[in-house]
Structures are given as C-alpha cells and as structure tokens.
Amino acid sequence: MKYLSSALCIILLTTTYCITPNTYFSNALCIDNISIIDPELGLIEHQTVIIKEGKILQVLSSGKVNLSSKNRIIDGKDKFLIPGLWDAHVHFAYIEEIAPRMFDLFLAYGITSVRDTGGEIHFTSAWKKKSLKNPTSSPRVMIAGPLLDGIPNVYDGSDHKHPPLSVGLATISDVRNKVNELDSMGVDFLKAYEMLTPNQFEEVMRLAKEKGLNVTGHIPLSMDVISASNAGLNSMEHMRNLELSCAKNSDELLAQRQEILALGKQDIGGILRSKIHALQRPLAIANYDPQRAQEVLDVLAKNETWQIPTLALTTGLTERPFASSKWQETFKYLPDNIELNWKKEIDILMTITPTPFNEKYTEWLTNMVGQVHRTGIEIMAGTDCPIFYLTPGRSLHEELEVLVKAGLTPLEALKTATTNPAKYFNLEKELGTVKETMWADLLILDENPLKDIRNTQKINAVIKQGHYLGRSDLDEMLENLARDK
C-alpha cells in the first residue's frame, strides 16, 4: 500500500479507502451524520452522504470522514434519509386543469417519480417531455398513454367522471396498430382495460413482450384473473375484478358477464361496466371462497403479477379521509373552481350513509391486501389522484398509512413506494435506495417513519436529482400554488 502522510487509510479486506482530514468535495452537497433508511435493510445510523452532479457520489460512516468547512454541509443529526417516493398510479389527464400544478405538488410532498396510468398520448407525453427537460425541478414521469379498451370503451368522454382517457379497439388489427403507435411514441408501459376481449387482451400481451414493455391494467370483464395472469399481465390496478374470481361460483359469474357484454355492445361503456359491477360484486363477496382465493393468489405470485391496490381510493367511500378539515386544507393548492366543487360534493357525500355492502367490500379489500402481501406478491403504492378528491402528492402518504393498517410494516410500506417501482421499470440500479452511483432523489425527514409511517409527512427537505429543496423552498412552492389561483 502506498504511504500517505496526510491521509487516514482504512483497509477493508482487499480494498483500500483513504479519507484525508478536512476532506473537501468540490461542487457537492454533503449530508452529514444522518440516519439512512434502506427499504431492504432498515435503519443505518451515522452516515454521511456526498451528492455530486445529480448522483450519490459516496456513502460513508460519519466517523470515517472529516468534512472541510468549505463544503456545503447539511446537518443530518436526528434526521432520517429515505429514497424519493413514487406514486405509481396517477392521471395527469383526468382533470386537465389540475395538471399544471401536479409537478410542484408532487415534489412538495416528497414524490420524486410518478407513473401515469392512462391518458391521451399527446397530453401525457407533454408532461413526460417537460420532466425530461427539467429533471431537477420535476418528478420523473413514466407514461402508458391511453387505456387500451374494447368496444364500448369506458373512459370515452361521455361525462365528467369518464373523460376521454381510453381508446376503443374493435379488432385485433386495431390493437396491433395502436400498440405499435404507442411504442413508437415512447411509452414506458401499456395499460389494458376492462372491455377488451380475451383475444385482444392476449394480443396486447404478445406485442408487449415483443417490445419489452410491461402491461398493467384491470382484469377484462370477459376473463378471469388466472387467465389474465397466465397470459402475461405484469400488474393489476386496484385489485380490480379480483373478487369476481375468488368466489365459489366464479365460473358462473364469468359466463353471466360474457352474456351481458355480448348483449351490451351498443351501450355506453361506463354504464355497462357499472351495471356488471353492481350486479356481480355483492354476489362475489357473498360467495367468497378462501381456498379459491388462495389458489388465485398463488398463481399471481408464481407469475409475478404485482398489485397496486390504491387502497385509499378503493376504501374511500367508507373511510372518507377527504372529509377531514386537515385533508381539505390541501384543496387550496388547486384551482378555485376545483376546490369549491370538491368541497360541495364532499358535503353532499357526507349526508349519505354507506350501505352494509360498502362496509363489507371495504373490509374485504383491506383484508385482501394483507393476504396478497402474505402470499409474497409484490405491491406498489399508488393513489389514482386526482380522482375522488385525492390531492396529488398528499394522497400518497395516505396510501402508505392504509397499507400499514392492512398489515404491512412501515419498512415494507416504504418499499412499495421506493424500491418496487424502480424494480418494475428495471431502474433498480439507478433509483430506490441510498447507494453510491444512484440518482440523488431523496427525502430528509424530521422523524423516523419506521416508528410511525405518518412521519413520511414530516419532510425537512427534498432532493431531486441533486437539487436541494429545503423546508422553506417547499413552503414557498405551496404558497405560490395557493396564491396563483
């Protein structure tokens, strides 16, 4: 080993690390003496993290480095560093008026990456391009383009609850042409929807595999979960239509659905879907078969068909987090007319008592998330914001809370919003953990989220690709949104 009189040399196995006293890292951000929370390993105390050129340059035990006062140093004492969070189910196009505010809302609440799960391709592409052009002031954006639906298609623009997020595809050739078009436009994955025929669905899977794209979606009403998973579905949103395959009379329900779909070709897609759900969900829950359900989940686990439960959304009708004054405070960051309409709609909703079935369905969904987790099926945290009064950014923290209530530990919940989405997009060597060479998408928290998952809301700073946004910067972003209405 070469002798260095001015350096402290530490020999670990065959590797030599030399840390000079009063080390200076030029043009770098140094976070000193902080506790890192690794989504896989847990708490690692007394760490110093050096960030340069948007990436994590070094992660060192704080006792092994003596930082020069010339460095830009953030004191991490009594604070906690976690990877930037993902919201793995958002819609920029659901309420287009909100879209221009979503970047700042996501970053202000610590969401540094998002997965847009359906919208008109030119609209969603514009937000992805803006993100790529401004990587230090925007969340990372992954897009699917429009929902790939059959005829009639659900999100056809027929009313304000069904904006034109989808394309209705009548034939196999239509599927092929649309998938090829979306692939040529740079989508990151595809989303299959509920009115596809089995043949159309299988063609989406075949083309996606050929092009190296993941496919997420809802289980088509013409199929069961096992068939869809076996066809190659990579992930399911909302666990949608899972209950229909977990009933002891699931074959009978499938035959009934197929008959209704055949007779409803001239119906409005959203109305037809709602008709089927209203008819079959109560029957499926009443006939729930634990053994059949476990058989279905075992197939999902074997095929690695991940779940994005959006539990805060799917249980929202009964749990109603949006009714609290603290939640509604976040509405001030939205356009005035949206804030006013949401509050009026919530006031009306609060006069309606949930039905016994609503309560039973919420209980089933919550229990099923726990069972999904125990079966070993990977989960990603997503919200479906801004649907159902879910404020972009803030709603992801609610999702983490309900995942913990469903049976995940706080560390496991963090994994659903950090390492898992990165792995889903084959970005695990770039994002999702606090390690050297990773992009510096990070959150500094004032309290330990492993003790209470709600501590993910106690954000001291957000770092986006090396760009540091302290609490005052984040507050200013929110204040600007509240002022510029």
Protein backbone atom coordinates (compact mmCIF):
# COMPACT_ATOMS: atom_id res chain seq x y z
CA MET A 1 0.00 0.00 0.00
CA LYS A 2 1.30 3.43 -0.94
CA TYR A 3 2.24 5.55 2.10
CA LEU A 4 0.18 8.74 2.50
CA SER A 5 1.35 11.01 5.34
CA SER A 6 -1.70 13.26 5.17
CA ALA A 7 -4.34 10.59 4.89
CA LEU A 8 -6.13 8.17 7.15
CA CYS A 9 -6.08 4.84 5.31
CA ILE A 10 -8.68 2.21 6.13
CA ILE A 11 -8.13 -1.31 4.84
CA LEU A 12 -11.26 -3.46 4.41
CA LEU A 13 -10.42 -6.91 3.02
CA THR A 14 -8.57 -6.22 -0.25
CA THR A 15 -9.92 -2.70 -0.80
CA THR A 16 -8.12 0.42 0.46
CA TYR A 17 -10.08 3.60 1.26
CA CYS A 18 -8.17 6.78 2.01
CA ILE A 19 -10.01 9.68 3.61
CA THR A 20 -7.97 12.83 4.04
CA PRO A 21 -8.55 15.03 7.08
CA ASN A 22 -10.79 18.02 6.35
CA THR A 23 -11.95 16.47 3.10
CA TYR A 24 -13.32 18.88 0.52
CA PHE A 25 -15.76 17.76 -2.17
CA SER A 26 -15.97 20.45 -4.83
CA ASN A 27 -19.40 21.37 -6.17
CA ALA A 28 -21.01 18.76 -3.93
CA LEU A 29 -23.75 18.58 -1.32
CA CYS A 30 -22.76 16.79 1.88
CA ILE A 31 -25.37 15.43 4.27
CA ASP A 32 -23.50 14.73 7.49
CA ASN A 33 -24.33 12.33 10.32
CA ILE A 34 -27.79 11.28 9.17
CA SER A 35 -29.68 8.02 9.67
CA ILE A 36 -30.37 6.28 6.36
CA ILE A 37 -33.43 4.07 5.99
CA ASP A 38 -32.72 1.41 3.40
CA PRO A 39 -36.03 -0.11 2.18
CA GLU A 40 -34.44 -3.57 2.25
CA LEU A 41 -32.12 -3.38 5.27
CA GLY A 42 -33.77 -0.88 7.57
CA LEU A 43 -32.07 1.76 9.72
CA ILE A 44 -28.37 2.57 9.22
CA GLU A 45 -27.24 5.27 11.63
CA HIS A 46 -24.47 7.91 11.49
CA GLN A 47 -23.94 8.11 7.76
CA THR A 48 -22.51 10.87 5.57
CA VAL A 49 -23.83 11.12 2.03
CA ILE A 50 -21.97 13.03 -0.68
CA ILE A 51 -24.02 14.16 -3.69
CA LYS A 52 -22.44 15.48 -6.87
CA GLU A 53 -23.69 16.04 -10.42
CA GLY A 54 -27.13 14.71 -9.55
CA LYS A 55 -25.93 11.38 -8.18
CA ILE A 56 -24.82 9.88 -4.89
CA LEU A 57 -21.04 10.01 -5.03
CA GLN A 58 -20.24 8.37 -1.70
CA VAL A 59 -21.97 6.94 1.36
CA LEU A 60 -19.61 6.82 4.34
CA SER A 61 -19.79 6.09 8.01
CA SER A 62 -19.71 9.54 9.60
CA GLY A 63 -16.78 8.58 11.79
CA LYS A 64 -14.67 7.83 8.73
CA VAL A 65 -14.73 11.29 7.18
CA ASN A 66 -13.83 14.72 8.47
CA LEU A 67 -15.56 17.22 6.22
CA SER A 68 -13.90 20.53 5.47
CA SER A 69 -15.88 23.58 6.48
CA LYS A 70 -15.58 24.70 2.86
CA ASN A 71 -18.10 22.02 1.88
CA ARG A 72 -21.79 22.70 1.51
CA ILE A 73 -22.91 20.70 4.53
CA ILE A 74 -26.43 19.76 5.66
CA ASP A 75 -26.52 18.73 9.31
CA GLY A 76 -28.31 15.39 9.42
CA LYS A 77 -28.22 14.89 13.18
CA ASP A 78 -31.50 13.41 14.47
CA LYS A 79 -32.86 13.29 10.92
CA PHE A 80 -33.66 10.43 8.55
CA LEU A 81 -32.83 9.98 4.86
CA ILE A 82 -35.07 7.88 2.62
CA PRO A 83 -35.25 7.44 -1.16
CA GLY A 84 -37.63 9.75 -3.00
CA LEU A 85 -41.15 8.37 -3.11
CA TRP A 86 -43.13 7.15 -6.12
CA ASP A 87 -46.84 7.47 -6.75
CA ALA A 88 -47.34 4.51 -9.05
CA HIS A 89 -50.87 5.42 -10.18
CA VAL A 90 -51.66 8.98 -11.25
CA HIS A 91 -53.59 10.64 -14.08
CA PHE A 92 -52.41 13.97 -15.47
CA ALA A 93 -55.32 13.92 -17.92
CA TYR A 94 -58.20 13.12 -15.55
CA ILE A 95 -58.72 16.79 -14.65
CA GLU A 96 -56.55 18.65 -17.13
CA GLU A 97 -56.97 21.90 -15.19
CA ILE A 98 -55.06 20.40 -12.25
CA ALA A 99 -52.20 19.01 -14.35
CA PRO A 100 -50.05 22.20 -14.41
CA ARG A 101 -49.95 22.13 -10.59
CA MET A 102 -49.12 18.48 -10.17
CA PHE A 103 -45.32 18.73 -10.56
CA ASP A 104 -44.96 21.19 -7.68
CA LEU A 105 -47.48 19.31 -5.54
CA PHE A 106 -45.66 16.03 -6.03
CA LEU A 107 -42.25 17.48 -5.15
CA ALA A 108 -43.59 19.46 -2.19
CA TYR A 109 -44.85 16.20 -0.70
CA GLY A 110 -41.72 14.21 -1.48
CA ILE A 111 -42.91 12.35 -4.57
CA THR A 112 -39.96 12.41 -6.96
CA SER A 113 -41.30 9.88 -9.51
CA VAL A 114 -44.76 9.09 -10.86
CA ARG A 115 -46.36 6.51 -13.12
CA ASP A 116 -49.18 7.90 -15.24
CA THR A 117 -51.61 5.06 -15.84
CA GLY A 118 -53.77 6.43 -18.63
CA GLY A 119 -54.45 9.49 -20.69
CA GLU A 120 -54.41 10.90 -24.21
CA ILE A 121 -50.92 10.25 -25.52
CA HIS A 122 -50.03 13.76 -26.68
CA PHE A 123 -51.17 15.24 -23.36
CA THR A 124 -49.29 12.78 -21.17
CA SER A 125 -46.23 12.89 -23.44
CA ALA A 126 -46.04 16.65 -22.95
CA TRP A 127 -45.61 16.18 -19.19
CA LYS A 128 -43.01 13.48 -19.67
CA LYS A 129 -41.06 15.74 -22.03
CA LYS A 130 -41.26 18.61 -19.57
CA SER A 131 -39.93 16.33 -16.84
CA LEU A 132 -37.03 15.18 -19.00
CA LYS A 133 -36.18 18.79 -19.87
CA ASN A 134 -36.26 19.87 -16.20
CA PRO A 135 -35.07 16.84 -14.21
CA THR A 136 -34.09 18.77 -11.07
CA SER A 137 -37.39 20.63 -10.72
CA SER A 138 -39.84 17.96 -11.89
CA PRO A 139 -40.80 14.48 -10.78
CA ARG A 140 -39.71 11.67 -13.08
CA VAL A 141 -42.71 10.73 -15.28
CA MET A 142 -43.41 7.29 -16.74
CA ILE A 143 -46.40 7.04 -19.10
CA ALA A 144 -48.69 4.41 -20.58
CA GLY A 145 -50.63 6.57 -22.99
CA PRO A 146 -54.36 5.84 -23.32
CA LEU A 147 -56.14 2.90 -21.74
CA LEU A 148 -56.37 0.10 -24.29
CA ASP A 149 -60.06 -0.77 -24.15
CA GLY A 150 -62.55 -2.69 -26.23
CA ILE A 151 -65.98 -1.71 -27.54
CA PRO A 152 -67.74 0.02 -25.91
CA ASN A 153 -64.87 1.71 -24.08
CA VAL A 154 -65.34 3.01 -20.54
CA TYR A 155 -63.41 6.30 -20.46
CA ASP A 156 -64.92 7.68 -23.66
CA GLY A 157 -65.57 11.30 -22.64
CA SER A 158 -69.31 10.69 -22.20
CA ASP A 159 -69.39 12.59 -18.87
CA HIS A 160 -67.08 14.39 -16.43
CA LYS A 161 -66.47 11.18 -14.49
CA HIS A 162 -65.38 9.41 -17.67
CA PRO A 163 -63.03 11.81 -19.50
CA PRO A 164 -61.50 10.51 -22.75
CA LEU A 165 -58.62 8.56 -21.23
CA SER A 166 -59.05 5.47 -23.39
CA VAL A 167 -59.20 4.23 -26.97
CA GLY A 168 -61.91 1.79 -28.05
CA LEU A 169 -60.42 -1.02 -30.12
CA ALA A 170 -62.81 -3.13 -32.19
CA THR A 171 -60.46 -5.70 -33.70
CA ILE A 172 -57.14 -7.47 -33.23
CA SER A 173 -55.77 -5.29 -36.02
CA ASP A 174 -56.83 -2.19 -34.08
CA VAL A 175 -54.91 -3.47 -31.06
CA ARG A 176 -51.82 -4.13 -33.14
CA ASN A 177 -51.89 -0.71 -34.79
CA LYS A 178 -52.41 1.16 -31.51
CA VAL A 179 -49.70 -0.69 -29.60
CA ASN A 180 -47.23 -0.11 -32.43
CA GLU A 181 -48.13 3.58 -32.46
CA LEU A 182 -47.73 3.97 -28.70
CA ASP A 183 -44.42 2.12 -28.75
CA SER A 184 -43.15 4.44 -31.49
CA MET A 185 -44.15 7.42 -29.32
CA GLY A 186 -42.05 6.24 -26.39
CA VAL A 187 -44.48 4.93 -23.81
CA ASP A 188 -42.88 3.23 -20.81
CA PHE A 189 -45.56 0.55 -20.35
CA LEU A 190 -49.09 -0.30 -21.51
CA LYS A 191 -52.42 -0.41 -19.73
CA ALA A 192 -55.10 -2.93 -20.70
CA TYR A 193 -58.69 -2.25 -19.71
CA GLU A 194 -61.96 -3.96 -18.86
CA MET A 195 -63.82 -4.17 -22.17
CA LEU A 196 -61.10 -5.98 -24.13
CA THR A 197 -61.99 -9.43 -25.46
CA PRO A 198 -59.72 -12.33 -24.44
CA ASN A 199 -58.20 -12.40 -27.94
CA GLN A 200 -57.50 -8.65 -27.85
CA PHE A 201 -56.01 -8.92 -24.37
CA GLU A 202 -53.72 -11.76 -25.40
CA GLU A 203 -52.57 -9.75 -28.42
CA VAL A 204 -51.66 -6.83 -26.13
CA MET A 205 -49.60 -9.24 -24.03
CA ARG A 206 -47.87 -10.74 -27.06
CA LEU A 207 -46.94 -7.37 -28.53
CA ALA A 208 -45.79 -6.01 -25.18
CA LYS A 209 -43.47 -8.95 -24.63
CA GLU A 210 -42.10 -8.49 -28.15
CA LYS A 211 -41.38 -4.82 -27.44
CA GLY A 212 -40.09 -5.28 -23.89
CA LEU A 213 -42.95 -3.36 -22.27
CA ASN A 214 -44.74 -4.21 -19.04
CA VAL A 215 -48.53 -4.34 -19.11
CA THR A 216 -50.68 -3.26 -16.22
CA GLY A 217 -54.43 -2.94 -16.08
CA HIS A 218 -57.81 -4.10 -14.93
CA ILE A 219 -58.83 -7.70 -15.45
CA PRO A 220 -61.11 -7.66 -18.51
CA LEU A 221 -64.70 -8.47 -17.57
CA SER A 222 -64.64 -11.17 -20.27
CA MET A 223 -61.85 -13.03 -18.43
CA ASP A 224 -60.90 -14.36 -15.02
CA VAL A 225 -57.81 -13.39 -13.04
CA ILE A 226 -55.94 -16.65 -13.56
CA SER A 227 -56.30 -16.49 -17.35
CA ALA A 228 -55.18 -12.86 -17.46
CA SER A 229 -52.17 -13.52 -15.25
CA ASN A 230 -51.19 -16.61 -17.24
CA ALA A 231 -51.38 -14.52 -20.42
CA GLY A 232 -48.57 -12.34 -19.08
CA LEU A 233 -50.16 -9.43 -17.16
CA ASN A 234 -47.37 -7.81 -15.15
CA SER A 235 -49.53 -5.91 -12.65
CA MET A 236 -53.10 -5.20 -11.61
CA GLU A 237 -54.53 -1.82 -10.63
CA HIS A 238 -56.95 -1.55 -7.67
CA MET A 239 -57.12 -5.38 -7.49
CA ARG A 240 -59.96 -4.64 -9.95
CA ASN A 241 -62.29 -7.61 -10.52
CA LEU A 242 -60.19 -9.87 -8.28
CA GLU A 243 -63.24 -10.57 -6.12
CA LEU A 244 -65.10 -11.98 -9.14
CA SER A 245 -62.51 -14.75 -9.46
CA CYS A 246 -62.37 -15.53 -5.73
CA ALA A 247 -65.99 -16.67 -5.43
CA LYS A 248 -67.03 -20.30 -5.28
CA ASN A 249 -69.37 -19.55 -8.20
CA SER A 250 -66.70 -17.69 -10.21
CA ASP A 251 -67.28 -19.78 -13.36
CA GLU A 252 -70.99 -18.98 -13.26
CA LEU A 253 -70.25 -15.27 -12.77
CA LEU A 254 -67.86 -15.28 -15.73
CA ALA A 255 -70.46 -16.86 -18.01
CA GLN A 256 -73.01 -14.28 -16.89
CA ARG A 257 -70.59 -11.41 -17.57
CA GLN A 258 -69.79 -12.68 -21.02
CA GLU A 259 -73.51 -12.85 -21.85
CA ILE A 260 -74.13 -9.29 -20.59
CA LEU A 261 -71.14 -8.00 -22.56
CA ALA A 262 -72.37 -9.69 -25.76
CA LEU A 263 -75.79 -8.03 -25.36
CA GLY A 264 -74.36 -4.62 -24.42
CA LYS A 265 -72.28 -3.74 -27.46
CA GLN A 266 -74.42 -0.67 -28.14
CA ASP A 267 -74.40 0.57 -24.52
CA ILE A 268 -72.26 3.36 -23.11
CA GLY A 269 -69.10 1.74 -21.75
CA GLY A 270 -69.16 3.33 -18.30
CA ILE A 271 -72.81 2.43 -17.77
CA LEU A 272 -72.31 -1.15 -18.91
CA ARG A 273 -69.33 -1.65 -16.61
CA SER A 274 -71.18 -0.16 -13.63
CA LYS A 275 -74.14 -2.43 -14.33
CA ILE A 276 -71.93 -5.51 -14.20
CA HIS A 277 -70.12 -4.39 -11.07
CA ALA A 278 -73.39 -3.56 -9.27
CA LEU A 279 -74.79 -6.97 -10.17
CA GLN A 280 -71.78 -9.18 -9.51
CA ARG A 281 -69.69 -7.63 -6.75
CA PRO A 282 -72.24 -8.35 -3.97
CA LEU A 283 -72.68 -11.90 -5.29
CA ALA A 284 -68.91 -12.44 -5.39
CA ILE A 285 -68.33 -11.14 -1.88
CA ALA A 286 -71.25 -13.17 -0.53
CA ASN A 287 -69.79 -16.28 -2.15
CA TYR A 288 -66.16 -15.59 -1.27
CA ASP A 289 -64.19 -18.83 -1.02
CA PRO A 290 -60.88 -18.57 0.92
CA GLN A 291 -59.49 -21.70 -0.74
CA ARG A 292 -60.36 -20.47 -4.23
CA ALA A 293 -58.91 -17.04 -3.38
CA GLN A 294 -55.62 -18.57 -2.27
CA GLU A 295 -55.43 -20.58 -5.49
CA VAL A 296 -55.82 -17.33 -7.44
CA LEU A 297 -53.21 -15.52 -5.35
CA ASP A 298 -50.76 -18.41 -5.71
CA VAL A 299 -50.99 -18.02 -9.50
CA LEU A 300 -50.39 -14.27 -9.20
CA ALA A 301 -47.35 -14.94 -7.03
CA LYS A 302 -45.98 -17.58 -9.40
CA ASN A 303 -46.43 -15.29 -12.42
CA GLU A 304 -45.15 -12.22 -10.53
CA THR A 305 -48.34 -10.29 -11.29
CA TRP A 306 -47.84 -7.33 -8.96
CA GLN A 307 -50.62 -5.38 -7.25
CA ILE A 308 -51.25 -1.65 -6.99
CA PRO A 309 -54.18 -1.68 -4.53
CA THR A 310 -54.86 2.11 -4.41
CA LEU A 311 -56.43 1.26 -1.07
CA ALA A 312 -57.03 4.89 -0.05
CA LEU A 313 -59.18 5.21 -3.17
CA THR A 314 -60.99 1.88 -3.09
CA THR A 315 -61.93 2.23 0.60
CA GLY A 316 -62.62 5.96 0.30
CA LEU A 317 -66.39 5.64 0.14
CA THR A 318 -66.47 4.31 3.69
CA GLU A 319 -63.23 5.63 5.24
CA ARG A 320 -63.60 9.14 3.77
CA PRO A 321 -60.18 10.65 4.55
CA PHE A 322 -61.10 13.63 2.37
CA ALA A 323 -63.78 14.69 4.87
CA SER A 324 -61.27 15.94 7.44
CA SER A 325 -60.50 19.65 7.61
CA LYS A 326 -56.78 18.84 7.53
CA TRP A 327 -57.21 17.00 4.22
CA GLN A 328 -59.35 19.75 2.74
CA GLU A 329 -56.67 22.28 3.60
CA THR A 330 -54.73 20.82 0.67
CA PHE A 331 -57.52 21.82 -1.72
CA LYS A 332 -56.30 25.42 -1.52
CA TYR A 333 -53.43 24.42 -3.81
CA LEU A 334 -55.90 23.55 -6.58
CA PRO A 335 -57.80 25.89 -8.92
CA ASP A 336 -60.59 27.80 -7.14
CA ASN A 337 -63.39 26.07 -9.02
CA ILE A 338 -61.96 22.63 -8.25
CA GLU A 339 -61.63 23.46 -4.55
CA LEU A 340 -65.20 24.77 -4.41
CA ASN A 341 -66.69 21.84 -6.33
CA TRP A 342 -64.83 19.23 -4.31
CA LYS A 343 -65.98 20.71 -1.01
CA LYS A 344 -69.61 20.88 -2.21
CA GLU A 345 -69.51 17.30 -3.45
CA ILE A 346 -67.98 16.07 -0.20
CA ASP A 347 -70.66 17.86 1.82
CA ILE A 348 -73.32 16.03 -0.19
CA LEU A 349 -71.48 12.71 0.09
CA MET A 350 -71.30 13.05 3.86
CA THR A 351 -75.11 13.08 4.05
CA ILE A 352 -75.18 9.60 2.51
CA THR A 353 -74.62 6.64 4.81
CA PRO A 354 -72.50 3.84 3.36
CA THR A 355 -74.51 0.70 2.67
CA PRO A 356 -73.79 -2.55 4.50
CA PHE A 357 -72.26 -3.84 1.28
CA ASN A 358 -69.96 -0.79 1.04
CA GLU A 359 -68.70 -1.62 4.54
CA LYS A 360 -68.29 -5.28 3.70
CA TYR A 361 -66.44 -4.52 0.46
CA THR A 362 -64.04 -2.18 2.28
CA GLU A 363 -63.35 -4.91 4.83
CA TRP A 364 -62.75 -7.42 2.03
CA LEU A 365 -60.37 -5.10 0.18
CA THR A 366 -58.32 -4.33 3.28
CA ASN A 367 -58.08 -7.98 4.28
CA MET A 368 -57.17 -8.97 0.73
CA VAL A 369 -54.23 -6.54 0.63
CA GLY A 370 -52.88 -8.26 3.72
CA GLN A 371 -53.39 -11.67 2.14
CA VAL A 372 -51.73 -10.52 -1.09
CA HIS A 373 -48.73 -9.39 0.93
CA ARG A 374 -48.51 -12.59 2.96
CA THR A 375 -48.63 -14.64 -0.26
CA GLY A 376 -45.48 -12.88 -1.42
CA ILE A 377 -46.98 -10.80 -4.23
CA GLU A 378 -45.15 -7.51 -4.62
CA ILE A 379 -47.11 -4.28 -4.09
CA MET A 380 -46.59 -0.76 -5.40
CA ALA A 381 -48.10 2.29 -3.72
CA GLY A 382 -50.40 4.31 -5.97
CA THR A 383 -53.33 6.64 -5.45
CA ASP A 384 -55.28 7.33 -8.68
CA CYS A 385 -55.01 11.04 -7.92
CA PRO A 386 -56.71 13.38 -8.61
CA ILE A 387 -59.74 11.06 -8.75
CA PHE A 388 -62.11 11.06 -5.74
CA TYR A 389 -60.71 14.16 -4.03
CA LEU A 390 -57.18 12.75 -3.77
CA THR A 391 -54.86 15.74 -3.78
CA PRO A 392 -51.71 14.96 -5.79
CA GLY A 393 -48.73 14.43 -3.51
CA ARG A 394 -50.52 14.37 -0.18
CA SER A 395 -52.57 11.32 -1.15
CA LEU A 396 -49.52 9.05 -1.44
CA HIS A 397 -48.88 9.43 2.29
CA GLU A 398 -52.45 8.35 2.96
CA GLU A 399 -51.85 5.27 0.83
CA LEU A 400 -48.79 4.37 2.91
CA GLU A 401 -50.90 4.68 6.08
CA VAL A 402 -53.64 2.36 4.85
CA LEU A 403 -51.08 -0.17 3.61
CA VAL A 404 -49.70 -0.34 7.14
CA LYS A 405 -53.24 -0.73 8.51
CA ALA A 406 -53.70 -3.62 6.06
CA GLY A 407 -50.74 -5.49 7.56
CA LEU A 408 -47.50 -4.20 6.07
CA THR A 409 -44.78 -2.93 8.37
CA PRO A 410 -43.68 0.68 7.88
CA LEU A 411 -40.48 -0.57 6.21
CA GLU A 412 -42.48 -2.81 3.88
CA ALA A 413 -44.78 0.10 3.05
CA LEU A 414 -41.76 2.27 2.18
CA LYS A 415 -40.56 -0.47 -0.15
CA THR A 416 -43.83 -0.23 -2.12
CA ALA A 417 -43.08 3.43 -2.89
CA THR A 418 -39.31 3.23 -3.45
CA THR A 419 -37.52 0.04 -4.49
CA ASN A 420 -40.52 -1.74 -6.00
CA PRO A 421 -41.45 0.88 -8.62
CA ALA A 422 -37.77 1.19 -9.55
CA LYS A 423 -37.59 -2.58 -9.99
CA TYR A 424 -40.81 -2.55 -12.05
CA PHE A 425 -39.12 -0.30 -14.60
CA ASN A 426 -35.73 -2.07 -14.40
CA LEU A 427 -34.28 1.02 -12.73
CA GLU A 428 -33.14 -0.67 -9.51
CA LYS A 429 -29.51 0.21 -10.30
CA GLU A 430 -30.45 3.90 -10.58
CA LEU A 431 -33.26 4.57 -8.10
CA GLY A 432 -34.96 3.33 -4.97
CA THR A 433 -32.13 3.11 -2.43
CA VAL A 434 -29.48 5.39 -0.91
CA LYS A 435 -26.39 3.92 -2.52
CA GLU A 436 -23.38 5.15 -4.46
CA THR A 437 -23.94 5.81 -8.20
CA MET A 438 -27.74 6.13 -7.68
CA TRP A 439 -29.61 9.24 -8.74
CA ALA A 440 -29.94 11.57 -5.76
CA ASP A 441 -33.72 11.54 -5.43
CA LEU A 442 -34.03 11.73 -1.66
CA LEU A 443 -36.11 12.94 1.29
CA ILE A 444 -34.83 14.22 4.61
CA LEU A 445 -37.38 13.59 7.37
CA ASP A 446 -37.54 15.10 10.84
CA GLU A 447 -38.90 11.90 12.42
CA ASN A 448 -38.40 8.18 11.94
CA PRO A 449 -41.03 6.64 9.61
CA LEU A 450 -40.20 3.16 10.91
CA LYS A 451 -41.72 4.16 14.23
CA ASP A 452 -44.77 5.73 12.61
CA ILE A 453 -45.38 5.71 8.86
CA ARG A 454 -47.08 9.11 9.19
CA ASN A 455 -43.62 10.55 9.72
CA THR A 456 -43.11 10.44 5.94
CA GLN A 457 -45.16 13.64 6.04
CA LYS A 458 -42.61 15.40 8.26
CA ILE A 459 -40.43 16.48 5.36
CA ASN A 460 -37.42 18.63 6.16
CA ALA A 461 -36.07 18.69 2.59
CA VAL A 462 -36.49 17.11 -0.84
CA ILE A 463 -33.53 16.45 -3.11
CA LYS A 464 -34.37 15.94 -6.77
CA GLN A 465 -31.50 14.68 -8.87
CA GLY A 466 -29.08 16.53 -6.60
CA HIS A 467 -31.11 19.75 -6.36
CA TYR A 468 -31.77 20.62 -2.71
CA LEU A 469 -35.19 21.99 -1.73
CA GLY A 470 -35.29 22.88 1.95
CA ARG A 471 -38.44 23.28 4.02
CA SER A 472 -38.64 26.98 3.20
CA ASP A 473 -38.36 26.21 -0.54
CA LEU A 474 -41.14 23.63 -0.31
CA ASP A 475 -43.35 26.00 1.67
CA GLU A 476 -42.79 28.68 -0.94
CA MET A 477 -43.85 26.28 -3.70
CA LEU A 478 -47.09 25.55 -1.85
CA GLU A 479 -47.69 29.22 -1.05
CA ASN A 480 -47.30 30.10 -4.72
CA LEU A 481 -49.87 27.46 -5.65
CA ALA A 482 -52.30 28.80 -3.06
CA ARG A 483 -51.81 32.36 -4.25
CA ASP A 484 -51.84 31.83 -8.02
CA LYS A 485 -55.38 30.53 -8.38
